[in-house]
Amino acid sequence: MKKAYSIFLGVLIFLFILISAVFCISFSLKYYSHQHEKNGVYEIYGKAVADDVTIQIVEYIKSERECLYYPDSNGMNIFTQREIVHMEDVKGLFEFYGRARILIIAAVAISAVFFRKTAYSFVQGVLKGILMSFVVLLTVCMLAVLNFGYMFEKFHKIFFRNEFWMLDPGESIIINILPINFFVNTALWIFILTLAFTVAVTVILHAFKKHILDSIY
C-alpha cells in the first residue's frame, strides 16, 4: 500500500511539474511576442493590435479579467461568441489545474511528515512514479511528432465537451494570432521545460536519498 501510494505521489508530482511548465509558457507575454514575430502575426495585424489582444487573452485565462472585449473599427467586439465560449472553457481548465497544484503541494507536505521514518524507500517509489509519468509524456510527444494535427484534435476532444474550439480562420482573431505553428512550438517548449524541471526534481530527490544513507551510516 505504501509503495503504491509513493508511486502515485510521484505521478502527482510529475503532474505538478507539467502543469507548472504549461503555466510558465501560457502566461509569458514575451513568449507570445516572440511567436507573433516568428509566425508573421505582426505583419498581418500590426504589433499594437496583436499585443493588445494577446494581453486580454492572457489576463483572462489568469482570471485577471472578467471578459474578452476588443472593439474593431466599427466598435464591435473583435472576439466572436464562439471564441468567448471556448475561452471560458479554457479559463476553467486553468482554474481547475491551478487548484490541483495547491492540492498536490498539500499532499506532498502531508506525506513528507507521515512517511518521514521510511523516507528512503518512499522516495524510491516517488522517483519511480515520476519516471513512469515521464515515459508516458515522452510517448505522447513522439506520437505528436508523427502527426501533430491528430494529437491536437484528440487533446481538444478529451478536454472540451463541445466543439467551440473548432474556430473559423475567416472569423476568428484567436486562431489567426495563434496559428497551428504556435501550438507546435508551445508543445515543444512545454516538453523542454517539463524535462528541465523533472531533471531538477530528480536530482534533488536523489541527493535527499544520499543524505538519508549518510545519516544512517
N, C-alpha and C. Protein backbone atom coordinates (compact mmCIF):
# COMPACT_ATOMS: atom_id res chain seq x y z
N MET A 1 0.83 -1.21 0.00
CA MET A 1 0.00 0.00 0.00
C MET A 1 0.87 1.26 0.00
N LYS A 2 1.90 1.24 0.86
CA LYS A 2 2.78 2.40 0.94
C LYS A 2 3.54 2.59 -0.37
N LYS A 3 3.98 1.48 -0.96
CA LYS A 3 4.72 1.56 -2.22
C LYS A 3 3.84 2.12 -3.33
N ALA A 4 2.60 1.63 -3.38
CA ALA A 4 1.67 2.10 -4.40
C ALA A 4 1.38 3.59 -4.23
N TYR A 5 1.25 4.02 -2.98
CA TYR A 5 0.97 5.44 -2.72
C TYR A 5 2.16 6.30 -3.11
N SER A 6 3.37 5.82 -2.81
CA SER A 6 4.57 6.60 -3.14
C SER A 6 4.70 6.78 -4.65
N ILE A 7 4.36 5.72 -5.39
CA ILE A 7 4.39 5.82 -6.86
C ILE A 7 3.32 6.81 -7.33
N PHE A 8 2.14 6.71 -6.73
CA PHE A 8 1.05 7.63 -7.07
C PHE A 8 1.44 9.07 -6.77
N LEU A 9 2.12 9.29 -5.66
CA LEU A 9 2.57 10.64 -5.32
C LEU A 9 3.58 11.13 -6.35
N GLY A 10 4.42 10.21 -6.84
CA GLY A 10 5.37 10.57 -7.89
C GLY A 10 4.65 11.03 -9.15
N VAL A 11 3.56 10.35 -9.47
CA VAL A 11 2.74 10.74 -10.62
C VAL A 11 2.15 12.14 -10.41
N LEU A 12 1.68 12.39 -9.18
CA LEU A 12 1.13 13.71 -8.86
C LEU A 12 2.20 14.80 -8.95
N ILE A 13 3.40 14.48 -8.46
CA ILE A 13 4.49 15.46 -8.54
C ILE A 13 4.82 15.77 -10.00
N PHE A 14 4.83 14.74 -10.83
CA PHE A 14 5.09 14.97 -12.25
C PHE A 14 3.98 15.82 -12.87
N LEU A 15 2.74 15.55 -12.46
CA LEU A 15 1.62 16.36 -12.94
C LEU A 15 1.80 17.81 -12.53
N PHE A 16 2.27 18.03 -11.32
CA PHE A 16 2.56 19.39 -10.84
C PHE A 16 3.62 20.05 -11.73
N ILE A 17 4.65 19.28 -12.06
CA ILE A 17 5.72 19.79 -12.93
C ILE A 17 5.16 20.17 -14.30
N LEU A 18 4.36 19.28 -14.87
CA LEU A 18 3.79 19.52 -16.20
C LEU A 18 2.87 20.74 -16.20
N ILE A 19 2.01 20.82 -15.19
CA ILE A 19 1.11 21.98 -15.09
C ILE A 19 1.91 23.27 -14.95
N SER A 20 2.96 23.23 -14.14
CA SER A 20 3.80 24.42 -13.94
C SER A 20 4.45 24.86 -15.24
N ALA A 21 4.90 23.88 -16.05
CA ALA A 21 5.51 24.20 -17.34
C ALA A 21 4.48 24.85 -18.27
N VAL A 22 3.27 24.31 -18.27
CA VAL A 22 2.19 24.87 -19.10
C VAL A 22 1.88 26.30 -18.67
N PHE A 23 1.80 26.53 -17.36
CA PHE A 23 1.51 27.86 -16.85
C PHE A 23 2.64 28.84 -17.20
N CYS A 24 3.87 28.40 -17.07
CA CYS A 24 5.02 29.28 -17.37
C CYS A 24 4.97 29.79 -18.80
N ILE A 25 4.68 28.89 -19.73
CA ILE A 25 4.62 29.26 -21.14
C ILE A 25 3.36 30.08 -21.44
N SER A 26 2.23 29.62 -20.93
CA SER A 26 0.95 30.24 -21.26
C SER A 26 0.80 31.65 -20.72
N PHE A 27 1.51 31.97 -19.65
CA PHE A 27 1.39 33.29 -19.02
C PHE A 27 2.53 34.24 -19.39
N SER A 28 3.43 33.80 -20.27
CA SER A 28 4.58 34.62 -20.64
C SER A 28 4.28 35.49 -21.87
N LEU A 29 4.11 36.78 -21.66
CA LEU A 29 3.84 37.69 -22.78
C LEU A 29 5.03 37.77 -23.73
N LYS A 30 6.25 37.64 -23.20
CA LYS A 30 7.44 37.66 -24.04
C LYS A 30 7.43 36.48 -25.01
N TYR A 31 6.96 35.34 -24.52
CA TYR A 31 6.88 34.16 -25.39
C TYR A 31 5.90 34.41 -26.54
N TYR A 32 4.74 34.96 -26.22
CA TYR A 32 3.75 35.26 -27.27
C TYR A 32 4.32 36.24 -28.28
N SER A 33 5.01 37.27 -27.79
CA SER A 33 5.58 38.28 -28.68
C SER A 33 6.58 37.65 -29.65
N HIS A 34 7.41 36.76 -29.11
CA HIS A 34 8.40 36.07 -29.95
C HIS A 34 7.70 35.22 -31.01
N GLN A 35 6.65 34.53 -30.61
CA GLN A 35 5.92 33.68 -31.54
C GLN A 35 5.18 34.51 -32.60
N HIS A 36 4.62 35.64 -32.19
CA HIS A 36 3.93 36.51 -33.15
C HIS A 36 4.90 36.98 -34.24
N GLU A 37 6.08 37.35 -33.81
CA GLU A 37 7.09 37.81 -34.77
C GLU A 37 7.51 36.67 -35.69
N LYS A 38 7.70 35.51 -35.10
CA LYS A 38 8.15 34.33 -35.84
C LYS A 38 7.10 33.86 -36.85
N ASN A 39 5.83 33.96 -36.47
CA ASN A 39 4.74 33.46 -37.32
C ASN A 39 4.14 34.53 -38.23
N GLY A 40 4.71 35.73 -38.22
CA GLY A 40 4.25 36.79 -39.11
C GLY A 40 2.94 37.44 -38.70
N VAL A 41 2.56 37.29 -37.44
CA VAL A 41 1.30 37.86 -36.95
C VAL A 41 1.35 39.38 -36.95
N TYR A 42 2.50 39.94 -36.56
CA TYR A 42 2.64 41.40 -36.52
C TYR A 42 2.48 42.02 -37.90
N GLU A 43 2.91 41.30 -38.93
CA GLU A 43 2.80 41.82 -40.29
C GLU A 43 1.34 41.90 -40.75
N ILE A 44 0.51 41.03 -40.21
CA ILE A 44 -0.90 40.98 -40.61
C ILE A 44 -1.75 41.96 -39.80
N TYR A 45 -1.58 41.94 -38.49
CA TYR A 45 -2.46 42.73 -37.61
C TYR A 45 -1.80 43.99 -37.05
N GLY A 46 -0.47 44.06 -37.14
CA GLY A 46 0.24 45.16 -36.51
C GLY A 46 0.56 44.79 -35.07
N LYS A 47 1.67 45.29 -34.57
CA LYS A 47 2.12 44.92 -33.24
C LYS A 47 1.15 45.36 -32.14
N ALA A 48 0.60 46.56 -32.26
CA ALA A 48 -0.28 47.10 -31.22
C ALA A 48 -1.52 46.23 -31.03
N VAL A 49 -2.20 45.92 -32.13
CA VAL A 49 -3.43 45.13 -32.05
C VAL A 49 -3.14 43.71 -31.56
N ALA A 50 -2.13 43.07 -32.15
CA ALA A 50 -1.79 41.69 -31.78
C ALA A 50 -1.42 41.60 -30.30
N ASP A 51 -0.62 42.56 -29.83
CA ASP A 51 -0.21 42.54 -28.42
C ASP A 51 -1.38 42.82 -27.49
N ASP A 52 -2.24 43.77 -27.86
CA ASP A 52 -3.40 44.11 -27.01
C ASP A 52 -4.35 42.91 -26.89
N VAL A 53 -4.61 42.25 -28.00
CA VAL A 53 -5.49 41.08 -27.99
C VAL A 53 -4.87 39.96 -27.17
N THR A 54 -3.56 39.77 -27.32
CA THR A 54 -2.85 38.73 -26.57
C THR A 54 -2.90 39.00 -25.08
N ILE A 55 -2.68 40.25 -24.70
CA ILE A 55 -2.73 40.62 -23.28
C ILE A 55 -4.10 40.31 -22.70
N GLN A 56 -5.15 40.62 -23.45
CA GLN A 56 -6.51 40.32 -22.99
C GLN A 56 -6.69 38.82 -22.76
N ILE A 57 -6.21 38.02 -23.71
CA ILE A 57 -6.36 36.57 -23.60
C ILE A 57 -5.62 36.03 -22.38
N VAL A 58 -4.37 36.48 -22.20
CA VAL A 58 -3.56 36.00 -21.07
C VAL A 58 -4.17 36.44 -19.75
N GLU A 59 -4.58 37.70 -19.66
CA GLU A 59 -5.20 38.18 -18.43
C GLU A 59 -6.49 37.42 -18.13
N TYR A 60 -7.20 37.06 -19.18
CA TYR A 60 -8.47 36.35 -18.99
C TYR A 60 -8.25 34.94 -18.44
N ILE A 61 -7.31 34.19 -19.02
CA ILE A 61 -7.08 32.83 -18.54
C ILE A 61 -6.40 32.82 -17.17
N LYS A 62 -5.81 33.97 -16.79
CA LYS A 62 -5.23 34.09 -15.44
C LYS A 62 -6.26 34.59 -14.43
N SER A 63 -7.50 34.77 -14.89
CA SER A 63 -8.60 35.27 -14.05
C SER A 63 -8.34 36.70 -13.57
N GLU A 64 -7.60 37.47 -14.36
CA GLU A 64 -7.35 38.87 -14.04
C GLU A 64 -8.28 39.79 -14.82
N ARG A 65 -9.10 39.22 -15.67
CA ARG A 65 -10.05 39.98 -16.49
C ARG A 65 -11.37 39.21 -16.53
N GLU A 66 -12.47 39.93 -16.42
CA GLU A 66 -13.78 39.27 -16.35
C GLU A 66 -14.32 38.85 -17.71
N CYS A 67 -13.95 39.58 -18.75
CA CYS A 67 -14.50 39.25 -20.07
C CYS A 67 -13.50 39.62 -21.17
N LEU A 68 -13.77 39.11 -22.37
CA LEU A 68 -12.95 39.43 -23.53
C LEU A 68 -13.70 40.46 -24.38
N TYR A 69 -13.09 41.62 -24.53
CA TYR A 69 -13.71 42.65 -25.37
C TYR A 69 -12.64 43.54 -25.97
N TYR A 70 -12.59 43.56 -27.30
CA TYR A 70 -11.67 44.44 -28.01
C TYR A 70 -12.43 44.99 -29.22
N PRO A 71 -12.71 46.30 -29.24
CA PRO A 71 -13.53 46.87 -30.32
C PRO A 71 -12.79 46.96 -31.65
N ASP A 72 -13.50 46.64 -32.72
CA ASP A 72 -12.93 46.84 -34.05
C ASP A 72 -13.21 48.26 -34.51
N SER A 73 -12.99 48.56 -35.77
CA SER A 73 -13.17 49.93 -36.28
C SER A 73 -14.62 50.40 -36.20
N ASN A 74 -15.55 49.46 -36.11
CA ASN A 74 -16.98 49.80 -36.02
C ASN A 74 -17.50 49.75 -34.59
N GLY A 75 -16.59 49.53 -33.65
CA GLY A 75 -16.99 49.46 -32.25
C GLY A 75 -17.55 48.11 -31.83
N MET A 76 -17.50 47.12 -32.73
CA MET A 76 -17.98 45.78 -32.42
C MET A 76 -16.85 44.95 -31.79
N ASN A 77 -17.24 44.02 -30.94
CA ASN A 77 -16.25 43.16 -30.29
C ASN A 77 -15.56 42.28 -31.33
N ILE A 78 -14.23 42.33 -31.34
CA ILE A 78 -13.46 41.55 -32.31
C ILE A 78 -13.54 40.06 -32.02
N PHE A 79 -13.83 39.72 -30.76
CA PHE A 79 -13.98 38.31 -30.37
C PHE A 79 -15.39 37.83 -30.71
N THR A 80 -15.50 36.71 -31.40
CA THR A 80 -16.80 36.15 -31.73
C THR A 80 -17.38 35.43 -30.51
N GLN A 81 -18.68 35.17 -30.55
CA GLN A 81 -19.33 34.47 -29.44
C GLN A 81 -18.75 33.07 -29.27
N ARG A 82 -18.40 32.44 -30.36
CA ARG A 82 -17.80 31.11 -30.32
C ARG A 82 -16.45 31.15 -29.60
N GLU A 83 -15.67 32.18 -29.88
CA GLU A 83 -14.37 32.34 -29.22
C GLU A 83 -14.55 32.59 -27.72
N ILE A 84 -15.52 33.41 -27.38
CA ILE A 84 -15.77 33.74 -25.98
C ILE A 84 -16.14 32.50 -25.18
N VAL A 85 -17.02 31.67 -25.76
CA VAL A 85 -17.43 30.44 -25.08
C VAL A 85 -16.24 29.49 -24.93
N HIS A 86 -15.45 29.37 -25.99
CA HIS A 86 -14.27 28.49 -25.92
C HIS A 86 -13.28 28.96 -24.88
N MET A 87 -13.05 30.27 -24.82
CA MET A 87 -12.09 30.79 -23.86
C MET A 87 -12.60 30.67 -22.43
N GLU A 88 -13.91 30.65 -22.25
CA GLU A 88 -14.47 30.37 -20.92
C GLU A 88 -14.09 28.95 -20.50
N ASP A 89 -14.14 28.02 -21.45
CA ASP A 89 -13.75 26.64 -21.17
C ASP A 89 -12.26 26.55 -20.86
N VAL A 90 -11.46 27.28 -21.63
CA VAL A 90 -10.00 27.28 -21.41
C VAL A 90 -9.68 27.85 -20.04
N LYS A 91 -10.32 28.95 -19.70
CA LYS A 91 -10.13 29.57 -18.38
C LYS A 91 -10.49 28.59 -17.27
N GLY A 92 -11.58 27.85 -17.48
CA GLY A 92 -11.99 26.86 -16.49
C GLY A 92 -10.94 25.80 -16.26
N LEU A 93 -10.26 25.38 -17.34
CA LEU A 93 -9.19 24.39 -17.21
C LEU A 93 -8.03 24.95 -16.40
N PHE A 94 -7.64 26.19 -16.67
CA PHE A 94 -6.54 26.79 -15.92
C PHE A 94 -6.89 26.94 -14.45
N GLU A 95 -8.13 27.30 -14.16
CA GLU A 95 -8.55 27.42 -12.76
C GLU A 95 -8.53 26.06 -12.07
N PHE A 96 -9.01 25.03 -12.77
CA PHE A 96 -9.04 23.67 -12.21
C PHE A 96 -7.64 23.17 -11.89
N TYR A 97 -6.73 23.31 -12.85
CA TYR A 97 -5.38 22.81 -12.65
C TYR A 97 -4.57 23.70 -11.71
N GLY A 98 -4.98 24.95 -11.58
CA GLY A 98 -4.36 25.81 -10.57
C GLY A 98 -4.68 25.31 -9.18
N ARG A 99 -5.95 24.92 -8.98
CA ARG A 99 -6.35 24.35 -7.69
C ARG A 99 -5.69 22.99 -7.47
N ALA A 100 -5.54 22.23 -8.55
CA ALA A 100 -4.91 20.91 -8.45
C ALA A 100 -3.47 21.04 -7.96
N ARG A 101 -2.77 22.07 -8.41
CA ARG A 101 -1.39 22.27 -7.94
C ARG A 101 -1.34 22.49 -6.44
N ILE A 102 -2.28 23.25 -5.92
CA ILE A 102 -2.33 23.51 -4.48
C ILE A 102 -2.57 22.21 -3.71
N LEU A 103 -3.48 21.38 -4.21
CA LEU A 103 -3.77 20.11 -3.55
C LEU A 103 -2.57 19.17 -3.60
N ILE A 104 -1.83 19.19 -4.70
CA ILE A 104 -0.63 18.35 -4.81
C ILE A 104 0.43 18.79 -3.80
N ILE A 105 0.62 20.10 -3.66
CA ILE A 105 1.57 20.61 -2.67
C ILE A 105 1.17 20.15 -1.28
N ALA A 106 -0.13 20.20 -0.98
CA ALA A 106 -0.62 19.76 0.32
C ALA A 106 -0.36 18.27 0.52
N ALA A 107 -0.59 17.47 -0.52
CA ALA A 107 -0.37 16.02 -0.45
C ALA A 107 1.10 15.70 -0.20
N VAL A 108 1.98 16.43 -0.86
CA VAL A 108 3.43 16.22 -0.68
C VAL A 108 3.84 16.59 0.74
N ALA A 109 3.33 17.71 1.24
CA ALA A 109 3.68 18.17 2.59
C ALA A 109 3.21 17.17 3.65
N ILE A 110 1.99 16.69 3.51
CA ILE A 110 1.44 15.73 4.47
C ILE A 110 2.22 14.41 4.40
N SER A 111 2.53 13.98 3.19
CA SER A 111 3.27 12.72 3.01
C SER A 111 4.67 12.81 3.59
N ALA A 112 5.31 13.98 3.45
CA ALA A 112 6.66 14.16 3.98
C ALA A 112 6.68 13.98 5.49
N VAL A 113 5.62 14.38 6.14
CA VAL A 113 5.52 14.23 7.60
C VAL A 113 5.15 12.79 7.97
N PHE A 114 4.17 12.25 7.27
CA PHE A 114 3.63 10.94 7.62
C PHE A 114 4.61 9.81 7.35
N PHE A 115 5.42 9.94 6.28
CA PHE A 115 6.34 8.86 5.90
C PHE A 115 7.80 9.20 6.17
N ARG A 116 8.05 10.10 7.10
CA ARG A 116 9.43 10.53 7.37
C ARG A 116 10.30 9.40 7.91
N LYS A 117 9.71 8.42 8.60
CA LYS A 117 10.50 7.33 9.19
C LYS A 117 10.91 6.29 8.15
N THR A 118 10.23 6.27 7.03
CA THR A 118 10.59 5.35 5.94
C THR A 118 10.86 6.15 4.67
N ALA A 119 11.53 7.27 4.85
CA ALA A 119 11.72 8.22 3.76
C ALA A 119 12.48 7.63 2.57
N TYR A 120 13.49 6.81 2.83
CA TYR A 120 14.34 6.30 1.74
C TYR A 120 13.51 5.48 0.75
N SER A 121 12.80 4.47 1.25
CA SER A 121 12.00 3.62 0.36
C SER A 121 10.85 4.41 -0.26
N PHE A 122 10.33 5.37 0.49
CA PHE A 122 9.23 6.17 -0.03
C PHE A 122 9.69 7.04 -1.19
N VAL A 123 10.86 7.64 -1.06
CA VAL A 123 11.40 8.47 -2.14
C VAL A 123 11.69 7.62 -3.37
N GLN A 124 12.13 6.39 -3.17
CA GLN A 124 12.35 5.49 -4.30
C GLN A 124 11.06 5.29 -5.10
N GLY A 125 9.96 5.10 -4.38
CA GLY A 125 8.67 4.95 -5.05
C GLY A 125 8.25 6.21 -5.78
N VAL A 126 8.51 7.36 -5.17
CA VAL A 126 8.19 8.64 -5.80
C VAL A 126 8.97 8.80 -7.10
N LEU A 127 10.25 8.47 -7.07
CA LEU A 127 11.09 8.57 -8.26
C LEU A 127 10.57 7.64 -9.36
N LYS A 128 10.12 6.46 -8.97
CA LYS A 128 9.57 5.52 -9.95
C LYS A 128 8.31 6.11 -10.59
N GLY A 129 7.47 6.72 -9.79
CA GLY A 129 6.25 7.34 -10.31
C GLY A 129 6.55 8.47 -11.28
N ILE A 130 7.55 9.27 -10.95
CA ILE A 130 7.96 10.37 -11.83
C ILE A 130 8.48 9.83 -13.15
N LEU A 131 9.32 8.79 -13.08
CA LEU A 131 9.89 8.19 -14.29
C LEU A 131 8.80 7.60 -15.17
N MET A 132 7.88 6.87 -14.57
CA MET A 132 6.77 6.28 -15.34
C MET A 132 5.95 7.36 -16.04
N SER A 133 5.69 8.44 -15.34
CA SER A 133 4.89 9.53 -15.91
C SER A 133 5.62 10.20 -17.06
N PHE A 134 6.93 10.36 -16.91
CA PHE A 134 7.71 11.00 -17.97
C PHE A 134 7.73 10.13 -19.22
N VAL A 135 7.80 8.82 -19.03
CA VAL A 135 7.78 7.90 -20.18
C VAL A 135 6.46 8.03 -20.93
N VAL A 136 5.37 8.17 -20.19
CA VAL A 136 4.05 8.36 -20.82
C VAL A 136 4.03 9.65 -21.63
N LEU A 137 4.54 10.74 -21.02
CA LEU A 137 4.59 12.02 -21.73
C LEU A 137 5.47 11.92 -22.97
N LEU A 138 6.60 11.24 -22.85
CA LEU A 138 7.51 11.08 -23.99
C LEU A 138 6.83 10.32 -25.12
N THR A 139 6.05 9.32 -24.77
CA THR A 139 5.31 8.55 -25.78
C THR A 139 4.30 9.43 -26.50
N VAL A 140 3.58 10.25 -25.73
CA VAL A 140 2.61 11.17 -26.32
C VAL A 140 3.30 12.16 -27.25
N CYS A 141 4.46 12.65 -26.83
CA CYS A 141 5.21 13.61 -27.65
C CYS A 141 5.70 12.98 -28.95
N MET A 142 6.11 11.72 -28.87
CA MET A 142 6.56 11.02 -30.08
C MET A 142 5.40 10.85 -31.06
N LEU A 143 4.22 10.56 -30.54
CA LEU A 143 3.03 10.45 -31.39
C LEU A 143 2.69 11.81 -32.01
N ALA A 144 2.89 12.88 -31.23
CA ALA A 144 2.62 14.23 -31.73
C ALA A 144 3.58 14.60 -32.86
N VAL A 145 4.82 14.15 -32.74
CA VAL A 145 5.81 14.41 -33.79
C VAL A 145 5.38 13.74 -35.10
N LEU A 146 4.83 12.54 -34.98
CA LEU A 146 4.40 11.79 -36.16
C LEU A 146 3.16 12.42 -36.80
N ASN A 147 2.24 12.91 -35.97
CA ASN A 147 1.00 13.51 -36.50
C ASN A 147 0.47 14.51 -35.49
N PHE A 148 0.98 15.73 -35.53
CA PHE A 148 0.58 16.74 -34.54
C PHE A 148 -0.89 17.10 -34.67
N GLY A 149 -1.37 17.20 -35.89
CA GLY A 149 -2.77 17.58 -36.11
C GLY A 149 -3.73 16.60 -35.45
N TYR A 150 -3.43 15.32 -35.55
CA TYR A 150 -4.28 14.29 -34.95
C TYR A 150 -4.27 14.40 -33.43
N MET A 151 -3.08 14.56 -32.84
CA MET A 151 -2.97 14.66 -31.39
C MET A 151 -3.60 15.95 -30.88
N PHE A 152 -3.48 17.02 -31.66
CA PHE A 152 -4.07 18.31 -31.30
C PHE A 152 -5.60 18.17 -31.22
N GLU A 153 -6.16 17.48 -32.20
CA GLU A 153 -7.61 17.26 -32.23
C GLU A 153 -8.05 16.38 -31.06
N LYS A 154 -7.28 15.30 -30.79
CA LYS A 154 -7.61 14.40 -29.69
C LYS A 154 -7.56 15.13 -28.35
N PHE A 155 -6.56 15.99 -28.19
CA PHE A 155 -6.42 16.77 -26.96
C PHE A 155 -7.68 17.59 -26.71
N HIS A 156 -8.15 18.26 -27.73
CA HIS A 156 -9.33 19.11 -27.57
C HIS A 156 -10.60 18.29 -27.32
N LYS A 157 -10.70 17.14 -27.95
CA LYS A 157 -11.88 16.30 -27.74
C LYS A 157 -11.90 15.71 -26.33
N ILE A 158 -10.72 15.50 -25.74
CA ILE A 158 -10.63 14.97 -24.38
C ILE A 158 -10.96 16.05 -23.35
N PHE A 159 -10.42 17.24 -23.54
CA PHE A 159 -10.54 18.29 -22.53
C PHE A 159 -11.75 19.22 -22.71
N PHE A 160 -12.37 19.19 -23.88
CA PHE A 160 -13.52 20.05 -24.11
C PHE A 160 -14.71 19.21 -24.55
N ARG A 161 -15.86 19.45 -23.92
CA ARG A 161 -17.05 18.65 -24.19
C ARG A 161 -17.92 19.21 -25.31
N ASN A 162 -17.46 20.26 -25.94
CA ASN A 162 -18.20 20.84 -27.06
C ASN A 162 -17.26 21.07 -28.23
N GLU A 163 -17.77 21.65 -29.30
CA GLU A 163 -16.95 21.87 -30.49
C GLU A 163 -16.65 23.35 -30.72
N PHE A 164 -16.76 24.16 -29.68
CA PHE A 164 -16.47 25.59 -29.82
C PHE A 164 -14.99 25.86 -30.06
N TRP A 165 -14.16 24.85 -29.81
CA TRP A 165 -12.72 25.01 -30.07
C TRP A 165 -12.43 25.00 -31.58
N MET A 166 -13.38 24.52 -32.37
CA MET A 166 -13.21 24.48 -33.82
C MET A 166 -13.57 25.85 -34.39
N LEU A 167 -12.56 26.71 -34.48
CA LEU A 167 -12.77 28.10 -34.89
C LEU A 167 -12.55 28.29 -36.38
N ASP A 168 -13.26 29.24 -36.95
CA ASP A 168 -13.18 29.55 -38.38
C ASP A 168 -12.12 30.62 -38.61
N PRO A 169 -11.06 30.30 -39.38
CA PRO A 169 -10.00 31.28 -39.66
C PRO A 169 -10.52 32.56 -40.31
N GLY A 170 -11.67 32.46 -40.98
CA GLY A 170 -12.24 33.62 -41.63
C GLY A 170 -12.93 34.57 -40.67
N GLU A 171 -13.21 34.10 -39.46
CA GLU A 171 -13.91 34.92 -38.47
C GLU A 171 -13.14 35.11 -37.17
N SER A 172 -12.31 34.16 -36.83
CA SER A 172 -11.66 34.14 -35.52
C SER A 172 -10.34 34.90 -35.49
N ILE A 173 -10.22 35.83 -34.56
CA ILE A 173 -8.95 36.52 -34.34
C ILE A 173 -7.98 35.61 -33.61
N ILE A 174 -8.50 34.78 -32.71
CA ILE A 174 -7.63 33.93 -31.89
C ILE A 174 -6.86 32.93 -32.73
N ILE A 175 -7.56 32.25 -33.64
CA ILE A 175 -6.89 31.23 -34.44
C ILE A 175 -5.89 31.84 -35.42
N ASN A 176 -6.05 33.12 -35.71
CA ASN A 176 -5.12 33.79 -36.62
C ASN A 176 -3.88 34.33 -35.91
N ILE A 177 -4.04 34.79 -34.67
CA ILE A 177 -2.85 35.25 -33.95
C ILE A 177 -2.17 34.08 -33.23
N LEU A 178 -2.91 32.97 -33.09
CA LEU A 178 -2.32 31.76 -32.50
C LEU A 178 -2.51 30.61 -33.49
N PRO A 179 -1.77 30.62 -34.60
CA PRO A 179 -1.92 29.58 -35.63
C PRO A 179 -1.35 28.24 -35.16
N ILE A 180 -1.48 27.23 -35.98
CA ILE A 180 -1.04 25.88 -35.60
C ILE A 180 0.45 25.83 -35.26
N ASN A 181 1.27 26.64 -35.96
CA ASN A 181 2.70 26.67 -35.66
C ASN A 181 2.97 27.15 -34.23
N PHE A 182 2.11 28.04 -33.74
CA PHE A 182 2.24 28.50 -32.35
C PHE A 182 2.09 27.32 -31.40
N PHE A 183 1.12 26.47 -31.64
CA PHE A 183 0.88 25.35 -30.75
C PHE A 183 1.94 24.27 -30.88
N VAL A 184 2.49 24.11 -32.07
CA VAL A 184 3.60 23.17 -32.26
C VAL A 184 4.80 23.61 -31.42
N ASN A 185 5.15 24.89 -31.54
CA ASN A 185 6.28 25.43 -30.78
C ASN A 185 6.00 25.42 -29.28
N THR A 186 4.76 25.71 -28.91
CA THR A 186 4.39 25.72 -27.49
C THR A 186 4.50 24.33 -26.89
N ALA A 187 4.04 23.32 -27.62
CA ALA A 187 4.16 21.94 -27.15
C ALA A 187 5.63 21.57 -26.94
N LEU A 188 6.48 22.00 -27.86
CA LEU A 188 7.91 21.72 -27.75
C LEU A 188 8.51 22.37 -26.52
N TRP A 189 8.18 23.64 -26.28
CA TRP A 189 8.74 24.35 -25.13
C TRP A 189 8.18 23.83 -23.81
N ILE A 190 6.94 23.40 -23.81
CA ILE A 190 6.38 22.80 -22.60
C ILE A 190 7.13 21.51 -22.28
N PHE A 191 7.44 20.72 -23.31
CA PHE A 191 8.21 19.49 -23.10
C PHE A 191 9.60 19.81 -22.56
N ILE A 192 10.26 20.81 -23.15
CA ILE A 192 11.61 21.18 -22.71
C ILE A 192 11.60 21.64 -21.26
N LEU A 193 10.64 22.49 -20.90
CA LEU A 193 10.54 22.96 -19.52
C LEU A 193 10.22 21.81 -18.57
N THR A 194 9.32 20.94 -18.98
CA THR A 194 8.96 19.78 -18.16
C THR A 194 10.18 18.90 -17.93
N LEU A 195 10.95 18.68 -18.99
CA LEU A 195 12.18 17.89 -18.87
C LEU A 195 13.15 18.53 -17.90
N ALA A 196 13.35 19.84 -18.02
CA ALA A 196 14.28 20.55 -17.14
C ALA A 196 13.82 20.48 -15.69
N PHE A 197 12.54 20.74 -15.45
CA PHE A 197 12.00 20.68 -14.08
C PHE A 197 12.09 19.26 -13.51
N THR A 198 11.83 18.26 -14.37
CA THR A 198 11.87 16.87 -13.92
C THR A 198 13.29 16.47 -13.53
N VAL A 199 14.25 16.87 -14.34
CA VAL A 199 15.66 16.59 -14.02
C VAL A 199 16.04 17.24 -12.70
N ALA A 200 15.63 18.49 -12.51
CA ALA A 200 15.95 19.21 -11.27
C ALA A 200 15.36 18.52 -10.05
N VAL A 201 14.08 18.13 -10.14
CA VAL A 201 13.42 17.46 -9.03
C VAL A 201 14.06 16.10 -8.76
N THR A 202 14.39 15.38 -9.83
CA THR A 202 15.02 14.06 -9.69
C THR A 202 16.38 14.17 -9.01
N VAL A 203 17.17 15.15 -9.40
CA VAL A 203 18.48 15.37 -8.78
C VAL A 203 18.32 15.67 -7.29
N ILE A 204 17.35 16.51 -6.96
CA ILE A 204 17.10 16.87 -5.55
C ILE A 204 16.69 15.64 -4.75
N LEU A 205 15.82 14.81 -5.30
CA LEU A 205 15.36 13.61 -4.60
C LEU A 205 16.49 12.59 -4.43
N HIS A 206 17.34 12.45 -5.44
CA HIS A 206 18.49 11.55 -5.32
C HIS A 206 19.47 12.06 -4.26
N ALA A 207 19.65 13.37 -4.22
CA ALA A 207 20.52 13.96 -3.20
C ALA A 207 19.94 13.72 -1.81
N PHE A 208 18.61 13.79 -1.71
CA PHE A 208 17.95 13.54 -0.43
C PHE A 208 18.13 12.09 0.00
N LYS A 209 18.03 11.16 -0.96
CA LYS A 209 18.27 9.75 -0.67
C LYS A 209 19.69 9.53 -0.15
N LYS A 210 20.65 10.18 -0.79
CA LYS A 210 22.05 10.06 -0.36
C LYS A 210 22.22 10.61 1.05
N HIS A 211 21.54 11.71 1.32
CA HIS A 211 21.62 12.31 2.66
C HIS A 211 21.07 11.35 3.71
N ILE A 212 20.00 10.64 3.37
CA ILE A 212 19.41 9.68 4.30
C ILE A 212 20.40 8.55 4.59
N LEU A 213 21.05 8.03 3.53
CA LEU A 213 22.03 6.96 3.71
C LEU A 213 23.21 7.44 4.55
N ASP A 214 23.69 8.65 4.27
CA ASP A 214 24.83 9.19 5.02
C ASP A 214 24.48 9.36 6.49
N SER A 215 23.25 9.72 6.78
CA SER A 215 22.84 9.92 8.17
C SER A 215 22.72 8.60 8.91
N ILE A 216 22.44 7.52 8.15
CA ILE A 216 22.31 6.20 8.76
C ILE A 216 23.68 5.59 9.05
N TYR A 217 24.58 5.72 8.06
CA TYR A 217 25.89 5.09 8.18
C TYR A 217 26.98 6.09 8.57
